[in-house]
Structure formats: structure tokens, C-alpha cells
Amino acid sequence: MSQGKCNLRRLQVAVDFMSTYGIAILIMAIAIGIAYELSSGVTNAFSSQCTPEPGFSCGYFSLADNGSLVVQISQASGSAITVNGIACSTLQNFSGNPKYGNLEVNAKPQYYPTGYSPAANIPSGGSYTFYLYCYSQKGIARFPHAGSSFIGYLWLNYTLQNTGIKTVQQIASLGLQSSG
């Protein structure tokens, strides 16, 4: 009988041991799962957005690994416009133009992928797709992996065709995430 009590006691110790470690392992697994979900939720919470100024709208836009931005801009100024240049930069300077990159917001080929010229005529209510580089204080903003982000602004240098008035205007703020 005493040997039976000893075996029951050993069995009880083994059950207690397994229960304690089993519960500890289960708690750690749950904690790791929660941490993973929270971290992936934070990563995926940022979505690309383009917030236009009145008179403009953003259609399709995306950010490529090489730093080029593809953006479709629509305008509703009441007049056709001639685009002289477009720029994408993280900051503006004191005159309200881009602080980095295409400072003059002009059509110089080095600011556009493969020497593309942004010159375009956009009727009121029409749109046009532009290809340009985004700049930060370190030069062309590069996006080496999926999920890289860019927060900045988009400027347009344009002439109203009915009045001939030339304007350089910040037309949108951007929050972009590359697809990698």
C-alpha cells in the first residue's frame, strides 16, 4: 500500500510538472501570436494616399523601387492648363517650392525617369499621367524593399491657357508606400 501511495505521489508530481510547463508554454505562444498580429497591423496600417488641393485630384499613383512616382493628375480649373513641370519632394523651401530635387519645378530631363518631359496640356476636367522622381535631403528617394514609405508633396508648374497666368503650386500631399 505504501508503494501505491508513492506511485500516486510521483504521478501527481508529474501531472503538476506537465501542467505548469504546459500552461507556461501556452501563455508564451499566445503572447508571441499577439505581438506578431500587433506588429503586422502597425506595418499594414499605413496606406498610400494622395490628398489634393482644391481644383486638382489624384487618380492612379504608385511608387517604384527606383524612386520614380507614377501619378495621374486631374484638374478642374475652368481652363485648360499647360504643364511646364512637376516635382515631388519631402519638404518645401521658403518660397513654397520644393526644397529638394526639382527646385524650379521645371521640365529639365534629369528630374524625370529616362529623360521624360512632363510638358502636357490638360483640359479642364481632364487628366494626365506623369512620371517623376521623388526627392529627399539625401537625393532621389529610393525604396529598396516592399513597404518603404515616402511622405512629401507634389508641385505643378503650369500656365492657364485662357489667361496666360503662370503658376507654381503645391497641388497635393503624398503618403506613399512602395510595393517593392
N, C-alpha and C. Protein backbone atom coordinates (compact mmCIF):
# COMPACT_ATOMS: atom_id res chain seq x y z
N MET A 1 0.81 -1.18 0.00
CA MET A 1 0.00 0.00 0.00
C MET A 1 0.86 1.25 0.00
N SER A 2 1.95 1.21 0.70
CA SER A 2 2.82 2.37 0.75
C SER A 2 3.47 2.60 -0.61
N GLN A 3 3.73 1.52 -1.35
CA GLN A 3 4.32 1.68 -2.68
C GLN A 3 3.28 2.29 -3.63
N GLY A 4 2.01 1.96 -3.44
CA GLY A 4 0.93 2.54 -4.25
C GLY A 4 0.80 4.02 -4.02
N LYS A 5 0.95 4.44 -2.72
CA LYS A 5 0.90 5.87 -2.40
C LYS A 5 2.08 6.59 -3.02
N CYS A 6 3.23 5.95 -3.02
CA CYS A 6 4.44 6.54 -3.60
C CYS A 6 4.26 6.73 -5.10
N ASN A 7 3.69 5.74 -5.78
CA ASN A 7 3.46 5.85 -7.23
C ASN A 7 2.43 6.93 -7.55
N LEU A 8 1.38 7.02 -6.70
CA LEU A 8 0.39 8.08 -6.91
C LEU A 8 1.01 9.46 -6.71
N ARG A 9 1.89 9.55 -5.72
CA ARG A 9 2.55 10.83 -5.46
C ARG A 9 3.45 11.21 -6.64
N ARG A 10 4.21 10.25 -7.16
CA ARG A 10 5.06 10.51 -8.35
C ARG A 10 4.20 10.91 -9.55
N LEU A 11 3.09 10.22 -9.70
CA LEU A 11 2.19 10.53 -10.80
C LEU A 11 1.63 11.94 -10.65
N GLN A 12 1.28 12.32 -9.43
CA GLN A 12 0.75 13.66 -9.18
C GLN A 12 1.82 14.72 -9.45
N VAL A 13 3.06 14.47 -9.03
CA VAL A 13 4.17 15.41 -9.30
C VAL A 13 4.38 15.57 -10.80
N ALA A 14 4.32 14.45 -11.52
CA ALA A 14 4.50 14.50 -12.97
C ALA A 14 3.38 15.31 -13.63
N VAL A 15 2.14 15.10 -13.20
CA VAL A 15 0.99 15.84 -13.75
C VAL A 15 1.13 17.33 -13.43
N ASP A 16 1.51 17.65 -12.19
CA ASP A 16 1.70 19.06 -11.82
C ASP A 16 2.82 19.70 -12.66
N PHE A 17 3.91 18.98 -12.84
CA PHE A 17 5.03 19.47 -13.63
C PHE A 17 4.59 19.75 -15.07
N MET A 18 3.90 18.79 -15.69
CA MET A 18 3.45 18.94 -17.08
C MET A 18 2.43 20.07 -17.20
N SER A 19 1.54 20.19 -16.24
CA SER A 19 0.53 21.25 -16.27
C SER A 19 1.17 22.63 -16.18
N THR A 20 2.10 22.77 -15.25
CA THR A 20 2.76 24.06 -15.06
C THR A 20 3.49 24.49 -16.33
N TYR A 21 4.33 23.61 -16.87
CA TYR A 21 5.08 23.95 -18.08
C TYR A 21 4.17 24.08 -19.30
N GLY A 22 3.14 23.26 -19.35
CA GLY A 22 2.19 23.34 -20.47
C GLY A 22 1.48 24.67 -20.50
N ILE A 23 1.06 25.14 -19.33
CA ILE A 23 0.38 26.45 -19.25
C ILE A 23 1.37 27.57 -19.59
N ALA A 24 2.60 27.47 -19.10
CA ALA A 24 3.62 28.49 -19.41
C ALA A 24 3.89 28.55 -20.91
N ILE A 25 4.01 27.40 -21.54
CA ILE A 25 4.25 27.37 -23.00
C ILE A 25 3.05 27.93 -23.75
N LEU A 26 1.84 27.62 -23.32
CA LEU A 26 0.63 28.14 -23.96
C LEU A 26 0.57 29.67 -23.83
N ILE A 27 0.89 30.21 -22.67
CA ILE A 27 0.89 31.66 -22.46
C ILE A 27 1.93 32.33 -23.37
N MET A 28 3.12 31.73 -23.47
CA MET A 28 4.16 32.30 -24.35
C MET A 28 3.71 32.27 -25.80
N ALA A 29 3.08 31.19 -26.23
CA ALA A 29 2.61 31.08 -27.62
C ALA A 29 1.55 32.15 -27.90
N ILE A 30 0.65 32.36 -26.96
CA ILE A 30 -0.38 33.40 -27.13
C ILE A 30 0.25 34.78 -27.19
N ALA A 31 1.23 35.05 -26.31
CA ALA A 31 1.91 36.35 -26.30
C ALA A 31 2.65 36.59 -27.61
N ILE A 32 3.32 35.58 -28.13
CA ILE A 32 4.02 35.72 -29.40
C ILE A 32 3.03 35.97 -30.53
N GLY A 33 1.91 35.27 -30.52
CA GLY A 33 0.87 35.48 -31.54
C GLY A 33 0.31 36.89 -31.50
N ILE A 34 0.04 37.41 -30.30
CA ILE A 34 -0.48 38.77 -30.15
C ILE A 34 0.56 39.78 -30.63
N ALA A 35 1.81 39.59 -30.23
CA ALA A 35 2.87 40.51 -30.67
C ALA A 35 3.00 40.51 -32.19
N TYR A 36 2.92 39.37 -32.81
CA TYR A 36 3.00 39.28 -34.28
C TYR A 36 1.84 40.01 -34.93
N GLU A 37 0.64 39.80 -34.43
CA GLU A 37 -0.53 40.46 -35.00
C GLU A 37 -0.44 41.97 -34.85
N LEU A 38 0.01 42.43 -33.69
CA LEU A 38 0.14 43.87 -33.48
C LEU A 38 1.20 44.47 -34.39
N SER A 39 2.33 43.81 -34.54
CA SER A 39 3.39 44.36 -35.38
C SER A 39 2.98 44.35 -36.84
N SER A 40 2.31 43.32 -37.32
CA SER A 40 1.89 43.31 -38.71
C SER A 40 0.76 44.30 -38.92
N GLY A 41 -0.05 44.54 -37.91
CA GLY A 41 -1.11 45.53 -38.02
C GLY A 41 -0.56 46.93 -38.13
N VAL A 42 0.52 47.22 -37.39
CA VAL A 42 1.15 48.53 -37.46
C VAL A 42 1.79 48.72 -38.83
N THR A 43 2.45 47.70 -39.34
CA THR A 43 3.07 47.78 -40.66
C THR A 43 2.04 48.01 -41.74
N ASN A 44 0.92 47.33 -41.66
CA ASN A 44 -0.09 47.43 -42.70
C ASN A 44 -1.05 48.59 -42.49
N ALA A 45 -0.94 49.31 -41.36
CA ALA A 45 -1.85 50.41 -41.09
C ALA A 45 -1.58 51.58 -42.03
N PHE A 46 -0.34 51.74 -42.51
CA PHE A 46 -0.01 52.83 -43.41
C PHE A 46 -0.45 52.46 -44.82
N SER A 47 -1.30 53.26 -45.39
CA SER A 47 -1.70 53.01 -46.77
C SER A 47 -1.35 54.23 -47.60
N SER A 48 -1.04 54.01 -48.85
CA SER A 48 -0.69 55.10 -49.74
C SER A 48 -1.89 56.02 -49.92
N GLN A 49 -1.61 57.32 -49.91
CA GLN A 49 -2.67 58.29 -50.12
C GLN A 49 -2.15 59.54 -50.79
N CYS A 50 -3.00 60.17 -51.54
CA CYS A 50 -2.70 61.44 -52.20
C CYS A 50 -3.85 62.37 -51.87
N THR A 51 -3.54 63.45 -51.16
CA THR A 51 -4.57 64.40 -50.75
C THR A 51 -4.40 65.67 -51.59
N PRO A 52 -5.28 65.88 -52.58
CA PRO A 52 -5.11 67.01 -53.49
C PRO A 52 -5.62 68.32 -52.93
N GLU A 53 -5.11 69.40 -53.50
CA GLU A 53 -5.60 70.74 -53.21
C GLU A 53 -6.86 70.98 -54.05
N PRO A 54 -7.70 71.96 -53.68
CA PRO A 54 -8.90 72.25 -54.48
C PRO A 54 -8.55 72.50 -55.95
N GLY A 55 -9.35 71.96 -56.84
CA GLY A 55 -9.13 72.12 -58.28
C GLY A 55 -8.35 70.99 -58.90
N PHE A 56 -7.77 70.12 -58.06
CA PHE A 56 -6.97 69.00 -58.56
C PHE A 56 -7.46 67.71 -57.91
N SER A 57 -7.18 66.60 -58.56
CA SER A 57 -7.44 65.30 -57.95
C SER A 57 -6.37 64.32 -58.38
N CYS A 58 -6.16 63.33 -57.54
CA CYS A 58 -5.18 62.29 -57.82
C CYS A 58 -5.94 61.06 -58.30
N GLY A 59 -5.53 60.55 -59.43
CA GLY A 59 -6.08 59.28 -59.90
C GLY A 59 -5.13 58.19 -59.43
N TYR A 60 -4.69 57.38 -60.35
CA TYR A 60 -3.73 56.32 -60.05
C TYR A 60 -2.41 56.93 -59.61
N PHE A 61 -1.78 56.34 -58.58
CA PHE A 61 -0.43 56.74 -58.20
C PHE A 61 0.27 55.56 -57.57
N SER A 62 1.58 55.44 -57.86
CA SER A 62 2.38 54.38 -57.25
C SER A 62 3.82 54.81 -57.22
N LEU A 63 4.58 54.14 -56.36
CA LEU A 63 5.97 54.45 -56.13
C LEU A 63 6.80 53.24 -56.53
N ALA A 64 7.79 53.46 -57.39
CA ALA A 64 8.65 52.37 -57.84
C ALA A 64 9.93 52.32 -57.01
N ASP A 65 10.62 51.18 -57.05
CA ASP A 65 11.85 51.00 -56.29
C ASP A 65 12.92 52.02 -56.66
N ASN A 66 12.95 52.47 -57.92
CA ASN A 66 13.99 53.39 -58.37
C ASN A 66 13.71 54.83 -57.93
N GLY A 67 12.64 55.07 -57.19
CA GLY A 67 12.32 56.42 -56.71
C GLY A 67 11.35 57.15 -57.61
N SER A 68 10.93 56.54 -58.70
CA SER A 68 10.02 57.25 -59.58
C SER A 68 8.57 57.09 -59.11
N LEU A 69 7.85 58.16 -59.28
CA LEU A 69 6.45 58.23 -58.93
C LEU A 69 5.65 58.26 -60.23
N VAL A 70 4.64 57.44 -60.31
CA VAL A 70 3.70 57.48 -61.42
C VAL A 70 2.41 58.00 -60.83
N VAL A 71 1.94 59.14 -61.32
CA VAL A 71 0.74 59.75 -60.75
C VAL A 71 -0.14 60.33 -61.86
N GLN A 72 -1.42 60.05 -61.78
CA GLN A 72 -2.38 60.62 -62.71
C GLN A 72 -3.04 61.80 -62.01
N ILE A 73 -2.91 62.98 -62.62
CA ILE A 73 -3.46 64.20 -62.06
C ILE A 73 -4.61 64.67 -62.94
N SER A 74 -5.72 65.02 -62.30
CA SER A 74 -6.85 65.63 -62.99
C SER A 74 -6.98 67.05 -62.47
N GLN A 75 -7.49 67.93 -63.34
CA GLN A 75 -7.66 69.31 -62.91
C GLN A 75 -9.01 69.83 -63.36
N ALA A 76 -9.56 70.75 -62.57
CA ALA A 76 -10.86 71.36 -62.87
C ALA A 76 -10.79 72.85 -62.56
N SER A 77 -9.89 73.55 -63.25
CA SER A 77 -9.69 74.97 -63.00
C SER A 77 -10.65 75.85 -63.80
N GLY A 78 -11.37 75.25 -64.73
CA GLY A 78 -12.24 76.03 -65.60
C GLY A 78 -11.54 76.42 -66.88
N SER A 79 -10.26 76.11 -66.98
CA SER A 79 -9.46 76.42 -68.16
C SER A 79 -8.50 75.27 -68.41
N ALA A 80 -8.15 75.08 -69.66
CA ALA A 80 -7.09 74.12 -69.95
C ALA A 80 -5.79 74.67 -69.38
N ILE A 81 -4.89 73.78 -68.98
CA ILE A 81 -3.59 74.22 -68.47
C ILE A 81 -2.48 73.56 -69.28
N THR A 82 -1.38 74.28 -69.38
CA THR A 82 -0.17 73.74 -69.98
C THR A 82 0.81 73.48 -68.84
N VAL A 83 1.21 72.24 -68.68
CA VAL A 83 2.13 71.87 -67.60
C VAL A 83 3.55 72.13 -68.07
N ASN A 84 4.29 72.91 -67.28
CA ASN A 84 5.69 73.23 -67.57
C ASN A 84 6.64 72.36 -66.77
N GLY A 85 6.17 71.80 -65.68
CA GLY A 85 7.00 70.95 -64.84
C GLY A 85 6.20 70.43 -63.65
N ILE A 86 6.71 69.37 -63.06
CA ILE A 86 6.07 68.77 -61.90
C ILE A 86 7.19 68.28 -60.97
N ALA A 87 6.96 68.33 -59.66
CA ALA A 87 8.00 67.96 -58.71
C ALA A 87 7.41 67.22 -57.52
N CYS A 88 8.24 66.36 -56.92
CA CYS A 88 7.88 65.58 -55.73
C CYS A 88 9.04 65.71 -54.75
N SER A 89 8.77 66.21 -53.53
CA SER A 89 9.82 66.44 -52.55
C SER A 89 9.29 66.26 -51.14
N THR A 90 10.19 65.96 -50.21
CA THR A 90 9.77 65.76 -48.82
C THR A 90 9.44 67.08 -48.13
N LEU A 91 10.05 68.19 -48.53
CA LEU A 91 9.82 69.47 -47.87
C LEU A 91 9.69 70.59 -48.89
N GLN A 92 9.16 71.72 -48.42
CA GLN A 92 9.13 72.90 -49.27
C GLN A 92 10.13 73.93 -48.74
N ASN A 93 10.58 74.82 -49.62
CA ASN A 93 11.51 75.87 -49.19
C ASN A 93 10.72 77.11 -48.78
N PHE A 94 11.42 78.20 -48.50
CA PHE A 94 10.76 79.41 -48.01
C PHE A 94 9.82 80.04 -49.03
N SER A 95 10.08 79.84 -50.32
CA SER A 95 9.20 80.42 -51.34
C SER A 95 8.01 79.51 -51.65
N GLY A 96 7.92 78.36 -50.98
CA GLY A 96 6.80 77.45 -51.20
C GLY A 96 7.05 76.42 -52.28
N ASN A 97 8.23 76.44 -52.88
CA ASN A 97 8.60 75.45 -53.89
C ASN A 97 9.27 74.26 -53.21
N PRO A 98 9.53 73.18 -53.96
CA PRO A 98 10.20 72.03 -53.35
C PRO A 98 11.56 72.40 -52.79
N LYS A 99 11.89 71.89 -51.62
CA LYS A 99 13.19 72.17 -51.02
C LYS A 99 14.28 71.30 -51.65
N TYR A 100 13.94 70.09 -52.07
CA TYR A 100 14.91 69.17 -52.65
C TYR A 100 14.48 68.77 -54.05
N GLY A 101 15.47 68.47 -54.87
CA GLY A 101 15.17 67.95 -56.21
C GLY A 101 14.85 69.04 -57.20
N ASN A 102 13.70 68.96 -57.80
CA ASN A 102 13.30 69.84 -58.88
C ASN A 102 12.90 71.22 -58.34
N LEU A 103 13.90 71.98 -57.90
CA LEU A 103 13.66 73.24 -57.21
C LEU A 103 12.90 74.26 -58.04
N GLU A 104 13.15 74.28 -59.32
CA GLU A 104 12.48 75.24 -60.20
C GLU A 104 11.14 74.69 -60.69
N VAL A 105 10.82 73.46 -60.35
CA VAL A 105 9.62 72.77 -60.83
C VAL A 105 9.54 72.92 -62.35
N ASN A 106 10.60 72.52 -63.01
CA ASN A 106 10.66 72.71 -64.46
C ASN A 106 10.80 71.39 -65.18
N ALA A 107 10.99 71.48 -66.48
CA ALA A 107 11.00 70.28 -67.33
C ALA A 107 12.40 69.76 -67.64
N LYS A 108 13.38 70.02 -66.78
CA LYS A 108 14.72 69.50 -67.03
C LYS A 108 14.71 67.98 -66.96
N PRO A 109 15.26 67.30 -67.98
CA PRO A 109 15.15 65.85 -68.07
C PRO A 109 15.70 65.07 -66.87
N GLN A 110 16.70 65.58 -66.15
CA GLN A 110 17.28 64.81 -65.05
C GLN A 110 16.30 64.57 -63.91
N TYR A 111 15.20 65.30 -63.88
CA TYR A 111 14.23 65.13 -62.80
C TYR A 111 13.17 64.08 -63.12
N TYR A 112 13.25 63.52 -64.31
CA TYR A 112 12.21 62.60 -64.76
C TYR A 112 12.87 61.31 -65.25
N PRO A 113 12.26 60.16 -65.01
CA PRO A 113 12.85 58.89 -65.44
C PRO A 113 13.09 58.88 -66.95
N THR A 114 14.24 58.40 -67.34
CA THR A 114 14.65 58.26 -68.75
C THR A 114 14.46 59.53 -69.57
N GLY A 115 14.68 60.69 -68.94
CA GLY A 115 14.61 61.95 -69.67
C GLY A 115 13.23 62.37 -70.09
N TYR A 116 12.21 61.76 -69.53
CA TYR A 116 10.82 62.07 -69.85
C TYR A 116 10.55 63.55 -69.61
N SER A 117 9.84 64.20 -70.52
CA SER A 117 9.45 65.58 -70.34
C SER A 117 8.02 65.64 -69.84
N PRO A 118 7.76 66.42 -68.78
CA PRO A 118 6.41 66.45 -68.23
C PRO A 118 5.47 67.40 -68.96
N ALA A 119 5.95 68.07 -70.00
CA ALA A 119 5.11 69.04 -70.71
C ALA A 119 3.83 68.35 -71.19
N ALA A 120 2.70 68.96 -70.85
CA ALA A 120 1.41 68.39 -71.23
C ALA A 120 0.35 69.47 -71.24
N ASN A 121 -0.67 69.26 -72.01
CA ASN A 121 -1.86 70.11 -71.98
C ASN A 121 -2.98 69.28 -71.36
N ILE A 122 -3.60 69.84 -70.31
CA ILE A 122 -4.68 69.13 -69.65
C ILE A 122 -5.93 70.01 -69.70
N PRO A 123 -6.97 69.56 -70.40
CA PRO A 123 -8.21 70.34 -70.42
C PRO A 123 -8.87 70.34 -69.05
N SER A 124 -9.69 71.35 -68.77
CA SER A 124 -10.42 71.36 -67.51
C SER A 124 -11.32 70.13 -67.49
N GLY A 125 -11.23 69.36 -66.42
CA GLY A 125 -11.97 68.11 -66.32
C GLY A 125 -11.19 66.92 -66.87
N GLY A 126 -10.00 67.18 -67.41
CA GLY A 126 -9.18 66.12 -67.97
C GLY A 126 -8.09 65.68 -67.01
N SER A 127 -7.32 64.68 -67.43
CA SER A 127 -6.24 64.18 -66.59
C SER A 127 -5.04 63.81 -67.45
N TYR A 128 -3.91 63.62 -66.78
CA TYR A 128 -2.66 63.25 -67.44
C TYR A 128 -1.82 62.44 -66.46
N THR A 129 -1.10 61.45 -66.96
CA THR A 129 -0.24 60.63 -66.11
C THR A 129 1.20 61.12 -66.23
N PHE A 130 1.80 61.43 -65.08
CA PHE A 130 3.17 61.93 -65.03
C PHE A 130 4.09 60.87 -64.44
N TYR A 131 5.36 60.91 -64.84
CA TYR A 131 6.42 60.05 -64.31
C TYR A 131 7.52 60.98 -63.82
N LEU A 132 7.84 60.92 -62.54
CA LEU A 132 8.84 61.82 -62.00
C LEU A 132 9.53 61.18 -60.80
N TYR A 133 10.65 61.77 -60.41
CA TYR A 133 11.37 61.29 -59.23
C TYR A 133 10.92 62.05 -58.00
N CYS A 134 10.92 61.37 -56.87
CA CYS A 134 10.67 61.99 -55.58
C CYS A 134 12.03 62.22 -54.91
N TYR A 135 12.20 63.38 -54.28
CA TYR A 135 13.48 63.75 -53.68
C TYR A 135 13.35 63.97 -52.18
N SER A 136 14.41 63.61 -51.48
CA SER A 136 14.54 63.90 -50.06
C SER A 136 15.87 64.63 -49.89
N GLN A 137 16.25 64.97 -48.67
CA GLN A 137 17.50 65.69 -48.46
C GLN A 137 18.72 64.87 -48.88
N LYS A 138 18.56 63.56 -49.05
CA LYS A 138 19.68 62.71 -49.45
C LYS A 138 19.70 62.44 -50.95
N GLY A 139 18.88 63.13 -51.70
CA GLY A 139 18.83 62.92 -53.15
C GLY A 139 17.55 62.20 -53.55
N ILE A 140 17.61 61.46 -54.64
CA ILE A 140 16.43 60.73 -55.10
C ILE A 140 16.03 59.74 -54.03
N ALA A 141 14.78 59.78 -53.63
CA ALA A 141 14.28 58.85 -52.62
C ALA A 141 14.18 57.46 -53.24
N ARG A 142 14.90 56.52 -52.69
CA ARG A 142 14.89 55.13 -53.19
C ARG A 142 14.09 54.27 -52.22
N PHE A 143 13.50 53.22 -52.75
CA PHE A 143 12.64 52.36 -51.96
C PHE A 143 13.04 50.92 -52.18
N PRO A 144 14.09 50.45 -51.47
CA PRO A 144 14.70 49.16 -51.77
C PRO A 144 13.88 47.94 -51.40
N HIS A 145 12.88 48.07 -50.57
CA HIS A 145 12.11 46.89 -50.20
C HIS A 145 10.63 47.24 -50.08
N ALA A 146 9.80 46.25 -50.21
CA ALA A 146 8.36 46.44 -50.10
C ALA A 146 8.04 47.07 -48.76
N GLY A 147 7.14 48.03 -48.77
CA GLY A 147 6.74 48.68 -47.54
C GLY A 147 7.52 49.94 -47.22
N SER A 148 8.56 50.28 -48.01
CA SER A 148 9.26 51.54 -47.80
C SER A 148 8.26 52.67 -48.02
N SER A 149 8.41 53.74 -47.27
CA SER A 149 7.42 54.80 -47.40
C SER A 149 8.06 56.14 -47.74
N PHE A 150 7.24 57.03 -48.27
CA PHE A 150 7.63 58.39 -48.63
C PHE A 150 6.49 59.31 -48.21
N ILE A 151 6.83 60.35 -47.48
CA ILE A 151 5.83 61.36 -47.12
C ILE A 151 6.36 62.69 -47.63
N GLY A 152 5.57 63.34 -48.47
CA GLY A 152 6.01 64.60 -49.06
C GLY A 152 4.89 65.30 -49.80
N TYR A 153 5.30 66.07 -50.81
CA TYR A 153 4.36 66.95 -51.52
C TYR A 153 4.60 66.89 -53.01
N LEU A 154 3.57 67.29 -53.75
CA LEU A 154 3.62 67.32 -55.21
C LEU A 154 3.33 68.74 -55.66
N TRP A 155 4.22 69.28 -56.52
CA TRP A 155 4.06 70.62 -57.05
C TRP A 155 3.84 70.55 -58.55
N LEU A 156 3.11 71.54 -59.07
CA LEU A 156 2.88 71.64 -60.50
C LEU A 156 3.19 73.06 -60.95
N ASN A 157 3.99 73.17 -62.01
CA ASN A 157 4.26 74.45 -62.65
C ASN A 157 3.41 74.45 -63.91
N TYR A 158 2.42 75.34 -63.97
CA TYR A 158 1.50 75.33 -65.11
C TYR A 158 1.09 76.73 -65.51
N THR A 159 0.58 76.84 -66.73
CA THR A 159 0.07 78.09 -67.27
C THR A 159 -1.40 77.88 -67.62
N LEU A 160 -2.25 78.79 -67.13
CA LEU A 160 -3.67 78.75 -67.51
C LEU A 160 -3.78 79.23 -68.95
N GLN A 161 -4.34 78.42 -69.82
CA GLN A 161 -4.35 78.75 -71.25
C GLN A 161 -5.26 79.92 -71.58
N ASN A 162 -6.33 80.16 -70.81
CA ASN A 162 -7.23 81.27 -71.15
C ASN A 162 -6.71 82.63 -70.69
N THR A 163 -5.77 82.65 -69.72
CA THR A 163 -5.25 83.93 -69.22
C THR A 163 -3.75 84.09 -69.43
N GLY A 164 -3.05 83.01 -69.64
CA GLY A 164 -1.59 83.06 -69.77
C GLY A 164 -0.88 83.20 -68.44
N ILE A 165 -1.61 83.13 -67.33
CA ILE A 165 -1.00 83.26 -66.00
C ILE A 165 -0.25 81.97 -65.67
N LYS A 166 1.05 82.16 -65.30
CA LYS A 166 1.90 81.03 -64.94
C LYS A 166 1.91 80.89 -63.42
N THR A 167 1.77 79.67 -62.94
CA THR A 167 1.67 79.41 -61.50
C THR A 167 2.51 78.20 -61.12
N VAL A 168 3.19 78.31 -59.98
CA VAL A 168 3.81 77.15 -59.36
C VAL A 168 3.03 76.93 -58.07
N GLN A 169 2.42 75.75 -57.96
CA GLN A 169 1.52 75.50 -56.84
C GLN A 169 1.72 74.10 -56.29
N GLN A 170 1.69 74.01 -54.96
CA GLN A 170 1.66 72.69 -54.34
C GLN A 170 0.25 72.16 -54.57
N ILE A 171 0.15 71.01 -55.25
CA ILE A 171 -1.17 70.52 -55.62
C ILE A 171 -1.64 69.31 -54.80
N ALA A 172 -0.72 68.70 -54.05
CA ALA A 172 -1.14 67.54 -53.25
C ALA A 172 -0.10 67.21 -52.19
N SER A 173 -0.55 66.57 -51.13
CA SER A 173 0.37 65.98 -50.17
C SER A 173 0.28 64.47 -50.37
N LEU A 174 1.43 63.81 -50.19
CA LEU A 174 1.53 62.39 -50.50
C LEU A 174 1.99 61.58 -49.30
N GLY A 175 1.42 60.45 -49.14
CA GLY A 175 1.90 59.43 -48.21
C GLY A 175 1.92 58.14 -49.02
N LEU A 176 3.11 57.71 -49.40
CA LEU A 176 3.21 56.58 -50.32
C LEU A 176 3.98 55.43 -49.71
N GLN A 177 3.59 54.24 -50.09
CA GLN A 177 4.28 53.04 -49.66
C GLN A 177 4.61 52.22 -50.91
N SER A 178 5.88 51.84 -51.05
CA SER A 178 6.27 51.07 -52.25
C SER A 178 5.82 49.63 -52.12
N SER A 179 5.59 49.05 -53.27
CA SER A 179 5.20 47.64 -53.28
C SER A 179 6.42 46.75 -53.34
N GLY A 180 7.59 47.35 -53.60
CA GLY A 180 8.84 46.60 -53.57
C GLY A 180 9.07 45.84 -54.73
